[in-house]
PDB file of N, CA and C in Angstrom:
ATOM      1  N   UNK A   1      10.966 -11.162 -12.781  1.00  0.00           N
ATOM      2  CA  UNK A   1      10.272 -11.837 -11.484  1.00  0.00           C
ATOM      3  C   UNK A   1      10.989 -12.946 -11.287  1.00  0.00           C
ATOM      4  N   UNK A   2      12.151 -13.370 -11.444  1.00  0.00           N
ATOM      5  CA  UNK A   2      12.579 -14.779 -11.295  1.00  0.00           C
ATOM      6  C   UNK A   2      12.742 -14.960  -9.695  1.00  0.00           C
ATOM      7  N   UNK A   3      12.925 -14.132  -9.087  1.00  0.00           N
ATOM      8  CA  UNK A   3      13.226 -14.129  -7.563  1.00  0.00           C
ATOM      9  C   UNK A   3      12.017 -14.586  -6.761  1.00  0.00           C
ATOM     10  N   UNK A   4      12.095 -15.481  -5.926  1.00  0.00           N
ATOM     11  CA  UNK A   4      10.970 -15.922  -5.489  1.00  0.00           C
ATOM     12  C   UNK A   4      11.041 -15.428  -3.957  1.00  0.00           C
ATOM     13  N   UNK A   5      10.390 -14.692  -3.582  1.00  0.00           N
ATOM     14  CA  UNK A   5      10.637 -14.059  -2.046  1.00  0.00           C
ATOM     15  C   UNK A   5       9.746 -15.044  -1.180  1.00  0.00           C
ATOM     16  N   UNK A   6      10.089 -15.628  -0.147  1.00  0.00           N
ATOM     17  CA  UNK A   6       9.407 -16.053   0.869  1.00  0.00           C
ATOM     18  C   UNK A   6       8.117 -15.519   1.509  1.00  0.00           C
ATOM     19  N   UNK A   7       6.980 -16.427   1.279  1.00  0.00           N
ATOM     20  CA  UNK A   7       5.484 -15.839   1.932  1.00  0.00           C
ATOM     21  C   UNK A   7       5.679 -14.888   2.953  1.00  0.00           C
ATOM     22  N   UNK A   8       6.552 -15.380   3.988  1.00  0.00           N
ATOM     23  CA  UNK A   8       6.833 -14.399   5.280  1.00  0.00           C
ATOM     24  C   UNK A   8       6.970 -12.822   5.098  1.00  0.00           C
ATOM     25  N   UNK A   9       8.135 -13.033   4.056  1.00  0.00           N
ATOM     26  CA  UNK A   9       8.460 -11.672   3.597  1.00  0.00           C
ATOM     27  C   UNK A   9       7.387 -10.961   2.910  1.00  0.00           C
ATOM     28  N   UNK A  10       6.633 -11.509   2.160  1.00  0.00           N
ATOM     29  CA  UNK A  10       5.600 -10.939   1.448  1.00  0.00           C
ATOM     30  C   UNK A  10       4.574 -10.205   2.370  1.00  0.00           C
ATOM     31  N   UNK A  11       4.215 -10.830   3.289  1.00  0.00           N
ATOM     32  CA  UNK A  11       3.590 -10.282   4.356  1.00  0.00           C
ATOM     33  C   UNK A  11       4.106  -8.796   5.088  1.00  0.00           C
ATOM     34  N   UNK A  12       5.479  -8.809   5.286  1.00  0.00           N
ATOM     35  CA  UNK A  12       6.277  -7.912   5.844  1.00  0.00           C
ATOM     36  C   UNK A  12       6.263  -6.677   4.882  1.00  0.00           C
ATOM     37  N   UNK A  13       6.384  -6.918   3.662  1.00  0.00           N
ATOM     38  CA  UNK A  13       6.440  -5.677   2.843  1.00  0.00           C
ATOM     39  C   UNK A  13       5.254  -4.746   2.917  1.00  0.00           C
ATOM     40  N   UNK A  14       4.022  -5.523   2.786  1.00  0.00           N
ATOM     41  CA  UNK A  14       2.781  -4.722   2.948  1.00  0.00           C
ATOM     42  C   UNK A  14       2.242  -4.556   4.264  1.00  0.00           C
ATOM     43  N   UNK A  15       2.283  -3.332   4.612  1.00  0.00           N
ATOM     44  CA  UNK A  15       2.182  -3.131   6.209  1.00  0.00           C
ATOM     45  C   UNK A  15       0.357  -3.086   6.392  1.00  0.00           C
ATOM     46  N   UNK A  16      -0.216  -2.345   5.752  1.00  0.00           N
ATOM     47  CA  UNK A  16      -1.732  -2.041   5.668  1.00  0.00           C
ATOM     48  C   UNK A  16      -2.081  -1.267   4.669  1.00  0.00           C
ATOM     49  N   UNK A  17      -3.406  -1.270   4.004  1.00  0.00           N
ATOM     50  CA  UNK A  17      -4.139  -0.499   3.601  1.00  0.00           C
ATOM     51  C   UNK A  17      -4.341   0.765   3.987  1.00  0.00           C
ATOM     52  N   UNK A  18      -4.250   1.691   3.067  1.00  0.00           N
ATOM     53  CA  UNK A  18      -4.714   3.412   3.731  1.00  0.00           C
ATOM     54  C   UNK A  18      -5.786   3.727   3.168  1.00  0.00           C
ATOM     55  N   UNK A  19      -6.878   3.785   4.136  1.00  0.00           N
ATOM     56  CA  UNK A  19      -8.196   4.300   3.727  1.00  0.00           C
ATOM     57  C   UNK A  19      -8.558   5.422   4.382  1.00  0.00           C
ATOM     58  N   UNK A  20      -8.705   6.437   3.445  1.00  0.00           N
ATOM     59  CA  UNK A  20      -9.031   7.988   3.889  1.00  0.00           C
ATOM     60  C   UNK A  20     -10.204   8.328   2.527  1.00  0.00           C
ATOM     61  N   UNK A  21     -10.634   9.284   2.889  1.00  0.00           N
ATOM     62  CA  UNK A  21     -11.405   9.911   1.699  1.00  0.00           C
ATOM     63  C   UNK A  21     -11.046   9.847   0.517  1.00  0.00           C
ATOM     64  N   UNK A  22      -9.974  10.241   0.155  1.00  0.00           N
ATOM     65  CA  UNK A  22      -9.236  10.246  -1.078  1.00  0.00           C
ATOM     66  C   UNK A  22      -8.793   8.937  -1.852  1.00  0.00           C
ATOM     67  N   UNK A  23      -8.600   8.157  -0.641  1.00  0.00           N
ATOM     68  CA  UNK A  23      -8.174   6.688  -1.282  1.00  0.00           C
ATOM     69  C   UNK A  23      -9.483   6.169  -1.631  1.00  0.00           C
ATOM     70  N   UNK A  24     -10.422   6.229  -0.870  1.00  0.00           N
ATOM     71  CA  UNK A  24     -11.539   5.747  -1.368  1.00  0.00           C
ATOM     72  C   UNK A  24     -12.051   6.089  -2.605  1.00  0.00           C
ATOM     73  N   UNK A  25     -12.164   7.380  -2.757  1.00  0.00           N
ATOM     74  CA  UNK A  25     -12.439   7.685  -4.260  1.00  0.00           C
ATOM     75  C   UNK A  25     -11.444   7.005  -5.590  1.00  0.00           C
ATOM     76  N   UNK A  26     -10.322   6.726  -5.019  1.00  0.00           N
ATOM     77  CA  UNK A  26      -9.345   6.057  -6.023  1.00  0.00           C
ATOM     78  C   UNK A  26      -9.720   4.447  -6.204  1.00  0.00           C
ATOM     79  N   UNK A  27     -10.489   4.071  -5.206  1.00  0.00           N
ATOM     80  CA  UNK A  27     -10.853   2.860  -5.428  1.00  0.00           C
ATOM     81  C   UNK A  27     -11.772   2.673  -6.591  1.00  0.00           C
ATOM     82  N   UNK A  28     -12.665   3.715  -6.742  1.00  0.00           N
ATOM     83  CA  UNK A  28     -13.662   3.616  -7.794  1.00  0.00           C
ATOM     84  C   UNK A  28     -12.881   3.643  -9.169  1.00  0.00           C
ATOM     85  N   UNK A  29     -11.493   4.241  -9.414  1.00  0.00           N
ATOM     86  CA  UNK A  29     -10.871   4.124 -10.477  1.00  0.00           C
ATOM     87  C   UNK A  29      -9.733   2.961 -10.586  1.00  0.00           C
ATOM     88  N   UNK A  30      -9.989   1.913  -9.672  1.00  0.00           N
ATOM     89  CA  UNK A  30      -9.335   0.818  -9.531  1.00  0.00           C
ATOM     90  C   UNK A  30      -7.836   0.960  -9.097  1.00  0.00           C
ATOM     91  N   UNK A  31      -7.702   1.919  -8.170  1.00  0.00           N
ATOM     92  CA  UNK A  31      -6.470   2.336  -7.729  1.00  0.00           C
ATOM     93  C   UNK A  31      -6.282   2.152  -6.184  1.00  0.00           C
ATOM     94  N   UNK A  32      -5.400   1.355  -5.508  1.00  0.00           N
ATOM     95  CA  UNK A  32      -5.369   1.250  -4.108  1.00  0.00           C
ATOM     96  C   UNK A  32      -4.090   1.668  -3.462  1.00  0.00           C
ATOM     97  N   UNK A  33      -4.279   2.196  -2.295  1.00  0.00           N
ATOM     98  CA  UNK A  33      -2.813   2.690  -1.712  1.00  0.00           C
ATOM     99  C   UNK A  33      -2.788   1.783  -0.342  1.00  0.00           C
ATOM    100  N   UNK A  34      -1.157   1.685  -0.377  1.00  0.00           N
ATOM    101  CA  UNK A  34      -0.879   0.695   0.752  1.00  0.00           C
ATOM    102  C   UNK A  34       0.462   1.248   1.678  1.00  0.00           C
ATOM    103  N   UNK A  35       0.272   1.235   2.837  1.00  0.00           N
ATOM    104  CA  UNK A  35       1.554   1.490   3.563  1.00  0.00           C
ATOM    105  C   UNK A  35       2.737   0.292   3.311  1.00  0.00           C
ATOM    106  N   UNK A  36       3.714   0.525   2.909  1.00  0.00           N
ATOM    107  CA  UNK A  36       4.842  -0.592   2.762  1.00  0.00           C
ATOM    108  C   UNK A  36       6.024  -0.262   3.430  1.00  0.00           C
ATOM    109  N   UNK A  37       6.891  -1.458   3.533  1.00  0.00           N
ATOM    110  CA  UNK A  37       8.117  -1.331   4.246  1.00  0.00           C
ATOM    111  C   UNK A  37       9.084   0.003   3.276  1.00  0.00           C
ATOM    112  N   UNK A  38       9.628   0.372   4.249  1.00  0.00           N
ATOM    113  CA  UNK A  38      10.567   1.730   3.618  1.00  0.00           C
ATOM    114  C   UNK A  38      11.573   1.491   2.690  1.00  0.00           C
ATOM    115  N   UNK A  39      12.186   0.248   2.785  1.00  0.00           N
ATOM    116  CA  UNK A  39      13.255  -0.228   2.111  1.00  0.00           C
ATOM    117  C   UNK A  39      12.957  -1.077   0.828  1.00  0.00           C
ATOM    118  N   UNK A  40      11.588  -1.419   0.813  1.00  0.00           N
ATOM    119  CA  UNK A  40      11.058  -2.303  -0.369  1.00  0.00           C
ATOM    120  C   UNK A  40      11.073  -1.359  -1.591  1.00  0.00           C
ATOM    121  N   UNK A  41      11.374  -1.897  -2.781  1.00  0.00           N
ATOM    122  CA  UNK A  41      11.341  -1.429  -3.926  1.00  0.00           C
ATOM    123  C   UNK A  41      10.295  -1.772  -4.834  1.00  0.00           C
ATOM    124  N   UNK A  42       9.957  -1.203  -6.063  1.00  0.00           N
ATOM    125  CA  UNK A  42       8.718  -1.416  -6.964  1.00  0.00           C
ATOM    126  C   UNK A  42       8.565  -3.002  -7.161  1.00  0.00           C
ATOM    127  N   UNK A  43       9.509  -3.549  -7.681  1.00  0.00           N
ATOM    128  CA  UNK A  43       9.509  -5.047  -8.136  1.00  0.00           C
ATOM    129  C   UNK A  43       8.991  -5.829  -6.894  1.00  0.00           C
ATOM    130  N   UNK A  44       9.520  -5.487  -5.562  1.00  0.00           N
ATOM    131  CA  UNK A  44       9.348  -6.468  -4.432  1.00  0.00           C
ATOM    132  C   UNK A  44       7.842  -6.107  -4.043  1.00  0.00           C
ATOM    133  N   UNK A  45       7.544  -4.967  -4.362  1.00  0.00           N
ATOM    134  CA  UNK A  45       6.133  -4.132  -3.691  1.00  0.00           C
ATOM    135  C   UNK A  45       5.011  -5.071  -4.772  1.00  0.00           C
ATOM    136  N   UNK A  46       5.357  -5.025  -5.950  1.00  0.00           N
ATOM    137  CA  UNK A  46       4.767  -5.610  -7.085  1.00  0.00           C
ATOM    138  C   UNK A  46       4.548  -7.154  -6.812  1.00  0.00           C
ATOM    139  N   UNK A  47       5.463  -7.906  -6.746  1.00  0.00           N
ATOM    140  CA  UNK A  47       5.343  -9.125  -6.424  1.00  0.00           C
ATOM    141  C   UNK A  47       4.499  -9.698  -5.213  1.00  0.00           C
ATOM    142  N   UNK A  48       4.677  -8.726  -4.105  1.00  0.00           N
ATOM    143  CA  UNK A  48       3.939  -8.960  -2.981  1.00  0.00           C
ATOM    144  C   UNK A  48       2.494  -8.907  -2.864  1.00  0.00           C
ATOM    145  N   UNK A  49       2.155  -7.914  -3.702  1.00  0.00           N
ATOM    146  CA  UNK A  49       0.621  -7.369  -4.228  1.00  0.00           C
ATOM    147  C   UNK A  49      -0.100  -8.491  -5.023  1.00  0.00           C
ATOM    148  N   UNK A  50       1.075  -8.903  -5.998  1.00  0.00           N
ATOM    149  CA  UNK A  50       0.182  -9.886  -6.801  1.00  0.00           C
ATOM    150  C   UNK A  50       0.096 -11.352  -6.145  1.00  0.00           C
ATOM    151  N   UNK A  51       0.889 -11.822  -5.266  1.00  0.00           N
ATOM    152  CA  UNK A  51       0.919 -13.113  -4.557  1.00  0.00           C
ATOM    153  C   UNK A  51      -0.059 -13.166  -3.568  1.00  0.00           C
ATOM    154  N   UNK A  52      -0.329 -12.037  -2.923  1.00  0.00           N
ATOM    155  CA  UNK A  52      -0.985 -11.943  -1.571  1.00  0.00           C
ATOM    156  C   UNK A  52      -2.606 -11.881  -2.259  1.00  0.00           C
ATOM    157  N   UNK A  53      -2.669 -11.010  -3.236  1.00  0.00           N
ATOM    158  CA  UNK A  53      -4.260 -10.668  -3.534  1.00  0.00           C
ATOM    159  C   UNK A  53      -4.565 -11.275  -4.829  1.00  0.00           C
ATOM    160  N   UNK A  54      -3.738 -12.136  -5.349  1.00  0.00           N
ATOM    161  CA  UNK A  54      -3.936 -12.846  -6.636  1.00  0.00           C
ATOM    162  C   UNK A  54      -4.630 -11.697  -7.761  1.00  0.00           C
ATOM    163  N   UNK A  55      -3.848 -10.817  -7.924  1.00  0.00           N
ATOM    164  CA  UNK A  55      -4.344  -9.887  -8.951  1.00  0.00           C
ATOM    165  C   UNK A  55      -2.988  -9.627  -9.988  1.00  0.00           C
ATOM    166  N   UNK A  56      -3.380  -8.722 -11.014  1.00  0.00           N
ATOM    167  CA  UNK A  56      -2.056  -8.443 -11.777  1.00  0.00           C
ATOM    168  C   UNK A  56      -2.310  -6.680 -11.815  1.00  0.00           C
ATOM    169  N   UNK A  57      -1.082  -6.386 -11.839  1.00  0.00           N
ATOM    170  CA  UNK A  57      -0.639  -4.912 -11.481  1.00  0.00           C
ATOM    171  C   UNK A  57      -0.220  -4.336 -12.704  1.00  0.00           C
ATOM    172  N   UNK A  58      -0.995  -3.080 -13.145  1.00  0.00           N
ATOM    173  CA  UNK A  58      -0.840  -2.482 -14.473  1.00  0.00           C
ATOM    174  C   UNK A  58       0.417  -1.501 -14.494  1.00  0.00           C
ATOM    175  N   UNK A  59       0.196  -0.703 -13.062  1.00  0.00           N
ATOM    176  CA  UNK A  59       1.019   0.549 -12.752  1.00  0.00           C
ATOM    177  C   UNK A  59       1.467   0.565 -11.523  1.00  0.00           C
ATOM    178  N   UNK A  60       2.730   0.994 -10.696  1.00  0.00           N
ATOM    179  CA  UNK A  60       2.721   1.395  -9.391  1.00  0.00           C
ATOM    180  C   UNK A  60       3.533   2.582  -9.250  1.00  0.00           C
ATOM    181  N   UNK A  61       3.337   3.229  -8.235  1.00  0.00           N
ATOM    182  CA  UNK A  61       4.022   4.476  -8.176  1.00  0.00           C
ATOM    183  C   UNK A  61       4.239   4.412  -6.389  1.00  0.00           C
ATOM    184  N   UNK A  62       5.234   5.122  -6.092  1.00  0.00           N
ATOM    185  CA  UNK A  62       5.850   5.014  -4.585  1.00  0.00           C
ATOM    186  C   UNK A  62       6.008   6.491  -4.332  1.00  0.00           C
ATOM    187  N   UNK A  63       5.973   6.712  -2.742  1.00  0.00           N
ATOM    188  CA  UNK A  63       6.456   8.174  -2.545  1.00  0.00           C
ATOM    189  C   UNK A  63       6.527   7.818  -0.836  1.00  0.00           C
ATOM    190  N   UNK A  64       7.390   8.655  -0.360  1.00  0.00           N
ATOM    191  CA  UNK A  64       7.592   8.784   1.105  1.00  0.00           C
ATOM    192  C   UNK A  64       6.681   9.848   1.687  1.00  0.00           C
ATOM    193  N   UNK A  65       6.105   9.566   2.668  1.00  0.00           N
ATOM    194  CA  UNK A  65       5.344  10.304   3.575  1.00  0.00           C
ATOM    195  C   UNK A  65       6.149  11.017   4.917  1.00  0.00           C
ATOM    196  N   UNK A  66       6.477  12.199   4.731  1.00  0.00           N
ATOM    197  CA  UNK A  66       7.473  12.525   5.929  1.00  0.00           C
ATOM    198  C   UNK A  66       6.674  12.777   7.351  1.00  0.00           C
ATOM    199  N   UNK A  67       7.733  12.963   8.236  1.00  0.00           N
ATOM    200  CA  UNK A  67       7.292  12.938   9.548  1.00  0.00           C
ATOM    201  C   UNK A  67       6.492  14.276   9.787  1.00  0.00           C
ATOM    202  N   UNK A  68       5.544  14.337  10.532  1.00  0.00           N
ATOM    203  CA  UNK A  68       4.621  15.491  10.710  1.00  0.00           C
ATOM    204  C   UNK A  68       4.421  15.977  12.326  1.00  0.00           C
ATOM    205  N   UNK A  69       4.164  16.966  12.598  1.00  0.00           N
ATOM    206  CA  UNK A  69       4.132  17.235  13.938  1.00  0.00           C
ATOM    207  C   UNK A  69       2.694  17.117  14.232  1.00  0.00           C
ATOM    208  N   UNK A  70       2.360  16.593  15.797  1.00  0.00           N
ATOM    209  CA  UNK A  70       1.217  16.363  15.874  1.00  0.00           C
ATOM    210  C   UNK A  70       0.897  16.760  17.545  1.00  0.00           C
ATOM    211  N   UNK A  71      -0.210  17.667  17.656  1.00  0.00           N
ATOM    212  CA  UNK A  71      -0.424  18.395  18.977  1.00  0.00           C
ATOM    213  C   UNK A  71      -1.525  17.537  19.822  1.00  0.00           C
ATOM    214  N   UNK A  72      -1.421  17.184  20.950  1.00  0.00           N
ATOM    215  CA  UNK A  72      -2.409  16.673  21.514  1.00  0.00           C
ATOM    216  C   UNK A  72      -2.635  17.326  22.914  1.00  0.00           C
ATOM    217  N   UNK A  73      -3.196  18.458  23.201  1.00  0.00           N
ATOM    218  CA  UNK A  73      -3.117  19.162  24.407  1.00  0.00           C
ATOM    219  C   UNK A  73      -1.979  19.942  24.333  1.00  0.00           C
ATOM    220  N   UNK A  74      -1.285  20.108  25.450  1.00  0.00           N
ATOM    221  CA  UNK A  74      -0.175  20.787  25.476  1.00  0.00           C
ATOM    222  C   UNK A  74       1.314  20.152  24.972  1.00  0.00           C
ATOM    223  N   UNK A  75       0.956  18.456  24.757  1.00  0.00           N
ATOM    224  CA  UNK A  75       1.994  17.809  24.271  1.00  0.00           C
ATOM    225  C   UNK A  75       2.152  17.572  22.740  1.00  0.00           C
ATOM    226  N   UNK A  76       3.451  17.840  22.261  1.00  0.00           N
ATOM    227  CA  UNK A  76       3.783  17.799  20.758  1.00  0.00           C
ATOM    228  C   UNK A  76       4.646  16.676  20.630  1.00  0.00           C
ATOM    229  N   UNK A  77       3.948  15.865  19.614  1.00  0.00           N
ATOM    230  CA  UNK A  77       4.845  14.527  19.190  1.00  0.00           C
ATOM    231  C   UNK A  77       4.962  14.499  17.658  1.00  0.00           C
ATOM    232  N   UNK A  78       5.366  13.390  17.225  1.00  0.00           N
ATOM    233  CA  UNK A  78       5.687  13.336  15.813  1.00  0.00           C
ATOM    234  C   UNK A  78       4.879  11.934  15.116  1.00  0.00           C
ATOM    235  N   UNK A  79       4.152  12.194  14.267  1.00  0.00           N
ATOM    236  CA  UNK A  79       3.668  11.147  13.274  1.00  0.00           C
ATOM    237  C   UNK A  79       4.908  10.136  12.703  1.00  0.00           C
ATOM    238  N   UNK A  80       4.936   9.126  12.647  1.00  0.00           N
ATOM    239  CA  UNK A  80       6.304   8.683  12.054  1.00  0.00           C
ATOM    240  C   UNK A  80       5.986   8.557  10.418  1.00  0.00           C
ATOM    241  N   UNK A  81       7.095   8.559   9.720  1.00  0.00           N
ATOM    242  CA  UNK A  81       7.149   8.438   8.374  1.00  0.00           C
ATOM    243  C   UNK A  81       7.002   7.224   7.857  1.00  0.00           C
ATOM    244  N   UNK A  82       6.487   6.927   6.572  1.00  0.00           N
ATOM    245  CA  UNK A  82       6.380   5.584   5.865  1.00  0.00           C
ATOM    246  C   UNK A  82       6.416   5.970   4.396  1.00  0.00           C
ATOM    247  N   UNK A  83       6.291   4.824   3.799  1.00  0.00           N
ATOM    248  CA  UNK A  83       6.282   4.621   2.417  1.00  0.00           C
ATOM    249  C   UNK A  83       4.970   4.340   1.784  1.00  0.00           C
ATOM    250  N   UNK A  84       4.465   5.145   0.932  1.00  0.00           N
ATOM    251  CA  UNK A  84       3.016   4.817   0.243  1.00  0.00           C
ATOM    252  C   UNK A  84       3.181   4.331  -0.951  1.00  0.00           C
ATOM    253  N   UNK A  85       2.569   3.116  -1.465  1.00  0.00           N
ATOM    254  CA  UNK A  85       2.639   2.699  -2.846  1.00  0.00           C
ATOM    255  C   UNK A  85       1.288   2.782  -3.510  1.00  0.00           C
ATOM    256  N   UNK A  86       1.001   3.297  -4.405  1.00  0.00           N
ATOM    257  CA  UNK A  86      -0.416   3.530  -5.019  1.00  0.00           C
ATOM    258  C   UNK A  86      -0.136   2.561  -6.225  1.00  0.00           C
ATOM    259  N   UNK A  87      -1.284   1.291  -6.391  1.00  0.00           N
ATOM    260  CA  UNK A  87      -1.199   0.502  -7.320  1.00  0.00           C
ATOM    261  C   UNK A  87      -2.463   0.758  -8.026  1.00  0.00           C
ATOM    262  N   UNK A  88      -2.387   0.567  -9.490  1.00  0.00           N
ATOM    263  CA  UNK A  88      -3.285   0.420 -10.475  1.00  0.00           C
ATOM    264  C   UNK A  88      -3.507  -0.905 -11.017  1.00  0.00           C
ATOM    265  N   UNK A  89      -4.440  -1.372 -11.029  1.00  0.00           N
ATOM    266  CA  UNK A  89      -4.713  -2.681 -11.382  1.00  0.00           C
ATOM    267  C   UNK A  89      -5.485  -2.770 -12.738  1.00  0.00           C
ATOM    268  N   UNK A  90      -5.294  -4.088 -13.264  1.00  0.00           N
ATOM    269  CA  UNK A  90      -5.907  -4.255 -14.729  1.00  0.00           C
ATOM    270  C   UNK A  90      -7.475  -3.861 -14.539  1.00  0.00           C
ATOM    271  N   UNK A  91      -8.145  -3.574 -15.800  1.00  0.00           N
ATOM    272  CA  UNK A  91      -9.456  -3.041 -15.570  1.00  0.00           C
ATOM    273  C   UNK A  91     -10.687  -4.144 -14.804  1.00  0.00           C
ATOM    274  N   UNK A  92     -10.379  -5.467 -15.112  1.00  0.00           N
ATOM    275  CA  UNK A  92     -11.328  -6.337 -14.644  1.00  0.00           C
ATOM    276  C   UNK A  92     -10.974  -6.927 -13.212  1.00  0.00           C
ATOM    277  N   UNK A  93      -9.893  -6.376 -12.477  1.00  0.00           N
ATOM    278  CA  UNK A  93      -9.443  -6.931 -11.337  1.00  0.00           C
ATOM    279  C   UNK A  93      -9.936  -5.977 -10.317  1.00  0.00           C
ATOM    280  N   UNK A  94     -10.184  -6.712  -9.123  1.00  0.00           N
ATOM    281  CA  UNK A  94     -10.236  -5.729  -7.934  1.00  0.00           C
ATOM    282  C   UNK A  94      -9.627  -6.472  -6.697  1.00  0.00           C
ATOM    283  N   UNK A  95      -9.336  -5.405  -5.417  1.00  0.00           N
ATOM    284  CA  UNK A  95      -8.967  -6.263  -4.326  1.00  0.00           C
ATOM    285  C   UNK A  95     -10.096  -6.122  -3.384  1.00  0.00           C
ATOM    286  N   UNK A  96     -10.445  -6.998  -2.827  1.00  0.00           N
ATOM    287  CA  UNK A  96     -11.671  -6.756  -1.823  1.00  0.00           C
ATOM    288  C   UNK A  96     -11.156  -6.562  -0.375  1.00  0.00           C
ATOM    289  N   UNK A  97     -11.374  -5.118  -0.027  1.00  0.00           N
ATOM    290  CA  UNK A  97     -10.914  -4.533   1.104  1.00  0.00           C
ATOM    291  C   UNK A  97     -11.990  -4.493   2.150  1.00  0.00           C
ATOM    292  N   UNK A  98     -13.233  -4.497   1.732  1.00  0.00           N
ATOM    293  CA  UNK A  98     -14.529  -4.372   2.683  1.00  0.00           C
ATOM    294  C   UNK A  98     -15.254  -5.469   2.620  1.00  0.00           C
ATOM    295  N   UNK A  99     -15.803  -6.225   3.677  1.00  0.00           N
ATOM    296  CA  UNK A  99     -16.417  -7.364   3.706  1.00  0.00           C
ATOM    297  C   UNK A  99     -17.730  -6.836   3.157  1.00  0.00           C
ATOM    298  N   UNK A 100     -18.420  -7.869   2.318  1.00  0.00           N
ATOM    299  CA  UNK A 100     -19.853  -7.563   1.762  1.00  0.00           C
ATOM    300  C   UNK A 100     -20.924  -8.061   3.036  1.00  0.00           C
ATOM    301  N   UNK A 101     -21.764  -7.406   3.459  1.00  0.00           N
ATOM    302  CA  UNK A 101     -22.719  -7.912   4.277  1.00  0.00           C
ATOM    303  C   UNK A 101     -24.224  -8.055   3.623  1.00  0.00           C
TER     304      UNK A 101
END
């Protein structure tokens, strides 16, 4: 990881966390899902997550989510494709996605 990616680019690599029923269950296993830049590779994603959230990644997996047709009434459109990264952290580390009230 000798390459230092600028801070602005790190934020551009990680788009947003994916929060669904399945990914919420994965958080209990210390695994987190993020939508990332399509052209980003695993070392870039790893460096971005580690620097932005101050954690250490144990394992990372990526996959492409393809375009899907979506119907709203009589109109048919497409949901855009994106790249998903599934991050496994070390046992004693967490990413705080929800604010505690």
